[in-house]
Amino acid sequence: MFPFADIPISQFSLRLPNHPVKTGDFFLISIEPHEGTNIVYRWELDDEDFTKTTKTLYQVYSDPGVYKVQVTASNKNNTVRASGIIVAQNEIKGLECVTDTVAVVPMEEIVIEWIISQGS
């Protein structure tokens, strides 16, 4: 008998939030659909590495920053990697516009000043 060979893993992308995530809030990271069988995913986050057989995980960051996410998909046939960046920010609180006038002439430059009492 011939054993069944693993179907090769096709190239894939990570599905990450397309906006900054709020510190302290869980968010979903997933892998776009792709070909392949018997796949093991090695997830590498800035603060931890682990192996899973599923294409999704929930993550949370407690500190603001720019975080790299990388996943390596492997089976007996091949290995494929994908990576991306996640920006985590503290919630902005106490936002106040201190510019007197916000009416402008079209195509004229204006400076608008803001005061933020908390957040990033």
N, C-alpha and C. Protein backbone atom coordinates (compact mmCIF):
# COMPACT_ATOMS: atom_id res chain seq x y z
N MET A 1 0.84 -1.18 0.00
CA MET A 1 0.00 0.00 0.00
C MET A 1 0.88 1.24 0.00
N PHE A 2 0.38 2.27 -0.68
CA PHE A 2 1.08 3.53 -0.72
C PHE A 2 0.42 4.51 0.25
N PRO A 3 1.20 5.10 1.13
CA PRO A 3 0.59 6.10 2.03
C PRO A 3 0.22 7.35 1.25
N PHE A 4 -0.80 8.02 1.72
CA PHE A 4 -1.22 9.26 1.08
C PHE A 4 -0.23 10.36 1.42
N ALA A 5 0.18 11.08 0.41
CA ALA A 5 1.11 12.19 0.62
C ALA A 5 0.32 13.43 1.02
N ASP A 6 0.95 14.28 1.82
CA ASP A 6 0.32 15.55 2.18
C ASP A 6 0.20 16.42 0.94
N ILE A 7 -0.93 17.11 0.84
CA ILE A 7 -1.09 18.10 -0.23
C ILE A 7 -0.22 19.30 0.14
N PRO A 8 0.57 19.82 -0.80
CA PRO A 8 1.44 20.96 -0.49
C PRO A 8 0.64 22.16 0.00
N ILE A 9 1.25 22.94 0.88
CA ILE A 9 0.64 24.14 1.41
C ILE A 9 0.83 25.27 0.39
N SER A 10 -0.25 25.92 0.03
CA SER A 10 -0.15 27.07 -0.89
C SER A 10 0.14 28.33 -0.09
N GLN A 11 0.63 29.35 -0.78
CA GLN A 11 0.92 30.63 -0.14
C GLN A 11 -0.36 31.19 0.46
N PHE A 12 -0.25 31.86 1.60
CA PHE A 12 -1.40 32.43 2.27
C PHE A 12 -1.03 33.76 2.90
N SER A 13 -2.04 34.48 3.35
CA SER A 13 -1.85 35.76 4.04
C SER A 13 -2.50 35.68 5.41
N LEU A 14 -2.05 36.54 6.30
CA LEU A 14 -2.69 36.68 7.60
C LEU A 14 -3.83 37.68 7.48
N ARG A 15 -4.90 37.44 8.19
CA ARG A 15 -6.00 38.39 8.29
C ARG A 15 -5.88 39.07 9.65
N LEU A 16 -5.41 40.32 9.61
CA LEU A 16 -5.15 41.11 10.81
C LEU A 16 -6.09 42.31 10.85
N PRO A 17 -6.30 42.90 12.03
CA PRO A 17 -7.09 44.13 12.08
C PRO A 17 -6.45 45.19 11.19
N ASN A 18 -7.26 45.93 10.44
CA ASN A 18 -6.73 46.97 9.55
C ASN A 18 -6.75 48.34 10.21
N HIS A 19 -6.79 48.34 11.52
CA HIS A 19 -6.81 49.58 12.31
C HIS A 19 -6.10 49.28 13.62
N PRO A 20 -5.65 50.29 14.34
CA PRO A 20 -5.05 50.03 15.65
C PRO A 20 -6.04 49.35 16.58
N VAL A 21 -5.55 48.40 17.36
CA VAL A 21 -6.40 47.73 18.34
C VAL A 21 -6.24 48.43 19.68
N LYS A 22 -7.28 48.38 20.49
CA LYS A 22 -7.26 49.01 21.80
C LYS A 22 -6.57 48.08 22.80
N THR A 23 -5.64 48.62 23.58
CA THR A 23 -4.98 47.81 24.59
C THR A 23 -6.03 47.25 25.55
N GLY A 24 -5.83 46.00 25.93
CA GLY A 24 -6.76 45.35 26.85
C GLY A 24 -7.93 44.66 26.19
N ASP A 25 -8.14 44.85 24.88
CA ASP A 25 -9.24 44.22 24.16
C ASP A 25 -8.73 43.04 23.34
N PHE A 26 -9.44 41.92 23.39
CA PHE A 26 -9.10 40.77 22.57
C PHE A 26 -9.50 41.03 21.12
N PHE A 27 -8.71 40.52 20.19
CA PHE A 27 -9.02 40.65 18.77
C PHE A 27 -8.61 39.36 18.06
N LEU A 28 -9.18 39.13 16.89
CA LEU A 28 -8.97 37.90 16.14
C LEU A 28 -7.83 38.05 15.14
N ILE A 29 -6.98 37.04 15.08
CA ILE A 29 -5.96 36.90 14.03
C ILE A 29 -6.28 35.58 13.33
N SER A 30 -6.30 35.59 12.01
CA SER A 30 -6.59 34.34 11.30
C SER A 30 -5.76 34.25 10.03
N ILE A 31 -5.79 33.06 9.46
CA ILE A 31 -5.06 32.78 8.22
C ILE A 31 -6.09 32.66 7.10
N GLU A 32 -5.81 33.32 5.99
CA GLU A 32 -6.70 33.24 4.83
C GLU A 32 -6.76 31.79 4.34
N PRO A 33 -7.87 31.39 3.72
CA PRO A 33 -7.99 30.02 3.20
C PRO A 33 -6.86 29.69 2.24
N HIS A 34 -6.40 28.44 2.30
CA HIS A 34 -5.31 28.00 1.42
C HIS A 34 -5.34 26.48 1.31
N GLU A 35 -4.56 25.98 0.37
CA GLU A 35 -4.46 24.54 0.15
C GLU A 35 -3.50 23.92 1.16
N GLY A 36 -3.63 22.61 1.34
CA GLY A 36 -2.69 21.87 2.19
C GLY A 36 -3.42 20.95 3.14
N THR A 37 -2.75 19.86 3.52
CA THR A 37 -3.32 18.91 4.48
C THR A 37 -2.32 18.63 5.58
N ASN A 38 -2.84 18.17 6.71
CA ASN A 38 -2.01 17.81 7.88
C ASN A 38 -1.06 18.94 8.26
N ILE A 39 -1.60 20.14 8.38
CA ILE A 39 -0.79 21.34 8.61
C ILE A 39 -0.68 21.63 10.10
N VAL A 40 0.51 21.99 10.52
CA VAL A 40 0.77 22.49 11.87
C VAL A 40 1.23 23.93 11.71
N TYR A 41 0.64 24.82 12.52
CA TYR A 41 0.96 26.24 12.45
C TYR A 41 1.79 26.64 13.67
N ARG A 42 2.94 27.24 13.43
CA ARG A 42 3.76 27.78 14.51
C ARG A 42 3.56 29.30 14.51
N TRP A 43 2.93 29.79 15.57
CA TRP A 43 2.64 31.21 15.72
C TRP A 43 3.76 31.87 16.51
N GLU A 44 4.30 32.95 16.00
CA GLU A 44 5.34 33.70 16.69
C GLU A 44 4.83 35.13 16.90
N LEU A 45 4.60 35.46 18.16
CA LEU A 45 4.18 36.80 18.53
C LEU A 45 5.33 37.42 19.31
N ASP A 46 5.32 38.73 19.46
CA ASP A 46 6.43 39.39 20.15
C ASP A 46 6.66 38.84 21.54
N ASP A 47 5.60 38.40 22.21
CA ASP A 47 5.74 37.98 23.60
C ASP A 47 5.62 36.48 23.81
N GLU A 48 5.36 35.70 22.76
CA GLU A 48 5.22 34.26 22.93
C GLU A 48 5.25 33.52 21.60
N ASP A 49 5.63 32.25 21.65
CA ASP A 49 5.61 31.35 20.49
C ASP A 49 4.85 30.10 20.89
N PHE A 50 4.03 29.55 19.97
CA PHE A 50 3.32 28.33 20.27
C PHE A 50 2.88 27.66 18.96
N THR A 51 2.51 26.40 19.07
CA THR A 51 2.10 25.61 17.91
C THR A 51 0.63 25.22 18.06
N LYS A 52 -0.11 25.33 16.93
CA LYS A 52 -1.53 24.98 16.91
C LYS A 52 -1.83 24.27 15.59
N THR A 53 -2.97 23.63 15.55
CA THR A 53 -3.42 23.04 14.28
C THR A 53 -4.59 23.83 13.72
N THR A 54 -4.99 24.90 14.38
CA THR A 54 -6.10 25.72 13.89
C THR A 54 -5.57 27.00 13.24
N LYS A 55 -6.42 27.61 12.40
CA LYS A 55 -6.03 28.79 11.63
C LYS A 55 -6.38 30.11 12.30
N THR A 56 -6.88 30.08 13.52
CA THR A 56 -7.29 31.32 14.18
C THR A 56 -6.78 31.36 15.62
N LEU A 57 -6.65 32.58 16.12
CA LEU A 57 -6.35 32.75 17.54
C LEU A 57 -6.81 34.13 17.96
N TYR A 58 -7.06 34.27 19.25
CA TYR A 58 -7.39 35.56 19.82
C TYR A 58 -6.18 36.06 20.59
N GLN A 59 -5.92 37.35 20.48
CA GLN A 59 -4.75 37.95 21.12
C GLN A 59 -5.18 39.23 21.83
N VAL A 60 -4.41 39.64 22.81
CA VAL A 60 -4.63 40.90 23.52
C VAL A 60 -3.26 41.47 23.88
N TYR A 61 -3.13 42.76 23.77
CA TYR A 61 -1.90 43.44 24.19
C TYR A 61 -2.25 44.41 25.31
N SER A 62 -1.46 44.40 26.37
CA SER A 62 -1.72 45.29 27.50
C SER A 62 -0.96 46.60 27.38
N ASP A 63 0.06 46.65 26.54
CA ASP A 63 0.85 47.87 26.37
C ASP A 63 0.75 48.37 24.93
N PRO A 64 0.73 49.69 24.75
CA PRO A 64 0.72 50.22 23.38
C PRO A 64 2.05 49.90 22.70
N GLY A 65 1.99 49.72 21.38
CA GLY A 65 3.21 49.45 20.63
C GLY A 65 2.91 48.89 19.27
N VAL A 66 3.97 48.58 18.54
CA VAL A 66 3.88 47.95 17.23
C VAL A 66 4.38 46.52 17.40
N TYR A 67 3.54 45.56 17.08
CA TYR A 67 3.84 44.15 17.33
C TYR A 67 3.89 43.37 16.02
N LYS A 68 4.89 42.50 15.90
CA LYS A 68 5.02 41.65 14.72
C LYS A 68 4.37 40.30 15.00
N VAL A 69 3.64 39.80 14.02
CA VAL A 69 3.02 38.49 14.08
C VAL A 69 3.55 37.68 12.90
N GLN A 70 4.02 36.48 13.17
CA GLN A 70 4.48 35.61 12.09
C GLN A 70 3.92 34.21 12.32
N VAL A 71 3.51 33.56 11.24
CA VAL A 71 3.04 32.18 11.32
C VAL A 71 3.77 31.36 10.27
N THR A 72 4.18 30.17 10.68
CA THR A 72 4.83 29.23 9.77
C THR A 72 3.96 27.99 9.69
N ALA A 73 3.52 27.66 8.49
CA ALA A 73 2.69 26.48 8.25
C ALA A 73 3.58 25.38 7.68
N SER A 74 3.50 24.19 8.28
CA SER A 74 4.36 23.09 7.84
C SER A 74 3.58 21.79 7.75
N ASN A 75 3.96 20.99 6.76
CA ASN A 75 3.55 19.59 6.71
C ASN A 75 4.74 18.81 6.14
N LYS A 76 4.56 17.54 5.85
CA LYS A 76 5.69 16.72 5.38
C LYS A 76 6.17 17.14 4.00
N ASN A 77 5.37 17.95 3.30
CA ASN A 77 5.70 18.32 1.92
C ASN A 77 6.46 19.65 1.83
N ASN A 78 6.02 20.67 2.58
CA ASN A 78 6.65 21.99 2.47
C ASN A 78 6.34 22.87 3.67
N THR A 79 6.92 24.06 3.65
CA THR A 79 6.74 25.06 4.70
C THR A 79 6.47 26.41 4.05
N VAL A 80 5.49 27.14 4.58
CA VAL A 80 5.14 28.47 4.06
C VAL A 80 5.02 29.42 5.25
N ARG A 81 5.51 30.66 5.07
CA ARG A 81 5.45 31.67 6.14
C ARG A 81 4.68 32.90 5.69
N ALA A 82 4.07 33.55 6.67
CA ALA A 82 3.42 34.85 6.43
C ALA A 82 3.61 35.68 7.70
N SER A 83 3.65 37.00 7.53
CA SER A 83 3.82 37.86 8.71
C SER A 83 3.07 39.17 8.49
N GLY A 84 2.91 39.89 9.59
CA GLY A 84 2.23 41.18 9.54
C GLY A 84 2.50 41.97 10.80
N ILE A 85 1.96 43.16 10.85
CA ILE A 85 2.17 44.09 11.96
C ILE A 85 0.81 44.46 12.56
N ILE A 86 0.79 44.56 13.89
CA ILE A 86 -0.39 45.02 14.61
C ILE A 86 0.02 46.22 15.45
N VAL A 87 -0.78 47.28 15.41
CA VAL A 87 -0.54 48.46 16.23
C VAL A 87 -1.56 48.45 17.37
N ALA A 88 -1.06 48.54 18.60
CA ALA A 88 -1.94 48.60 19.78
C ALA A 88 -1.81 49.98 20.40
N GLN A 89 -2.94 50.58 20.73
CA GLN A 89 -2.96 51.91 21.32
C GLN A 89 -3.87 51.95 22.53
N ASN A 90 -3.50 52.82 23.49
CA ASN A 90 -4.40 53.08 24.61
C ASN A 90 -5.58 53.90 24.10
N GLU A 91 -6.74 53.69 24.72
CA GLU A 91 -7.92 54.45 24.34
C GLU A 91 -7.69 55.95 24.59
N ILE A 92 -8.06 56.76 23.62
CA ILE A 92 -7.93 58.21 23.78
C ILE A 92 -9.12 58.72 24.58
N LYS A 93 -8.80 59.48 25.63
CA LYS A 93 -9.84 60.06 26.48
C LYS A 93 -9.56 61.55 26.65
N GLY A 94 -10.62 62.30 26.84
CA GLY A 94 -10.46 63.73 27.09
C GLY A 94 -9.95 64.48 25.87
N LEU A 95 -10.40 64.12 24.69
CA LEU A 95 -9.98 64.79 23.47
C LEU A 95 -10.70 66.14 23.35
N GLU A 96 -9.92 67.19 23.19
CA GLU A 96 -10.50 68.53 23.12
C GLU A 96 -9.80 69.34 22.04
N CYS A 97 -10.59 69.92 21.15
CA CYS A 97 -10.04 70.78 20.11
C CYS A 97 -9.80 72.17 20.71
N VAL A 98 -8.57 72.69 20.55
CA VAL A 98 -8.25 74.00 21.12
C VAL A 98 -8.07 75.06 20.04
N THR A 99 -8.35 74.71 18.79
CA THR A 99 -8.29 75.67 17.69
C THR A 99 -9.58 76.47 17.69
N ASP A 100 -9.46 77.80 17.62
CA ASP A 100 -10.65 78.66 17.66
C ASP A 100 -11.53 78.50 16.43
N THR A 101 -10.93 78.48 15.27
CA THR A 101 -11.69 78.45 14.03
C THR A 101 -11.35 77.20 13.25
N VAL A 102 -12.37 76.50 12.81
CA VAL A 102 -12.13 75.34 11.96
C VAL A 102 -12.69 75.56 10.56
N ALA A 103 -13.30 76.72 10.31
CA ALA A 103 -13.75 77.04 8.96
C ALA A 103 -12.53 77.49 8.17
N VAL A 104 -12.38 76.97 6.98
CA VAL A 104 -11.19 77.27 6.18
C VAL A 104 -11.57 77.59 4.74
N VAL A 105 -10.65 78.24 4.08
CA VAL A 105 -10.78 78.49 2.65
C VAL A 105 -10.26 77.24 1.94
N PRO A 106 -10.99 76.73 0.94
CA PRO A 106 -10.53 75.53 0.23
C PRO A 106 -9.09 75.70 -0.26
N MET A 107 -8.33 74.65 -0.08
CA MET A 107 -6.93 74.57 -0.52
C MET A 107 -5.98 75.44 0.31
N GLU A 108 -6.46 75.99 1.40
CA GLU A 108 -5.61 76.79 2.28
C GLU A 108 -5.20 75.93 3.47
N GLU A 109 -3.95 76.02 3.85
CA GLU A 109 -3.44 75.23 4.96
C GLU A 109 -3.97 75.76 6.29
N ILE A 110 -4.26 74.82 7.21
CA ILE A 110 -4.73 75.19 8.54
C ILE A 110 -4.11 74.23 9.55
N VAL A 111 -3.88 74.71 10.74
CA VAL A 111 -3.38 73.88 11.82
C VAL A 111 -4.50 73.74 12.85
N ILE A 112 -4.82 72.50 13.18
CA ILE A 112 -5.83 72.24 14.21
C ILE A 112 -5.10 71.59 15.38
N GLU A 113 -5.26 72.16 16.55
CA GLU A 113 -4.59 71.64 17.74
C GLU A 113 -5.57 70.90 18.62
N TRP A 114 -5.09 69.80 19.20
CA TRP A 114 -5.91 68.96 20.07
C TRP A 114 -5.18 68.75 21.38
N ILE A 115 -5.95 68.60 22.44
CA ILE A 115 -5.41 68.19 23.74
C ILE A 115 -5.98 66.82 24.06
N ILE A 116 -5.09 65.89 24.39
CA ILE A 116 -5.50 64.54 24.76
C ILE A 116 -5.07 64.35 26.20
N SER A 117 -6.03 64.08 27.09
CA SER A 117 -5.69 63.92 28.50
C SER A 117 -5.18 62.52 28.82
N GLN A 118 -5.55 61.53 27.97
CA GLN A 118 -5.11 60.18 28.23
C GLN A 118 -5.19 59.39 26.94
N GLY A 119 -4.23 58.51 26.70
CA GLY A 119 -4.27 57.63 25.53
C GLY A 119 -3.05 57.80 24.65
N SER A 120 -3.05 57.07 23.56
CA SER A 120 -1.92 57.12 22.64
C SER A 120 -2.41 57.16 21.20
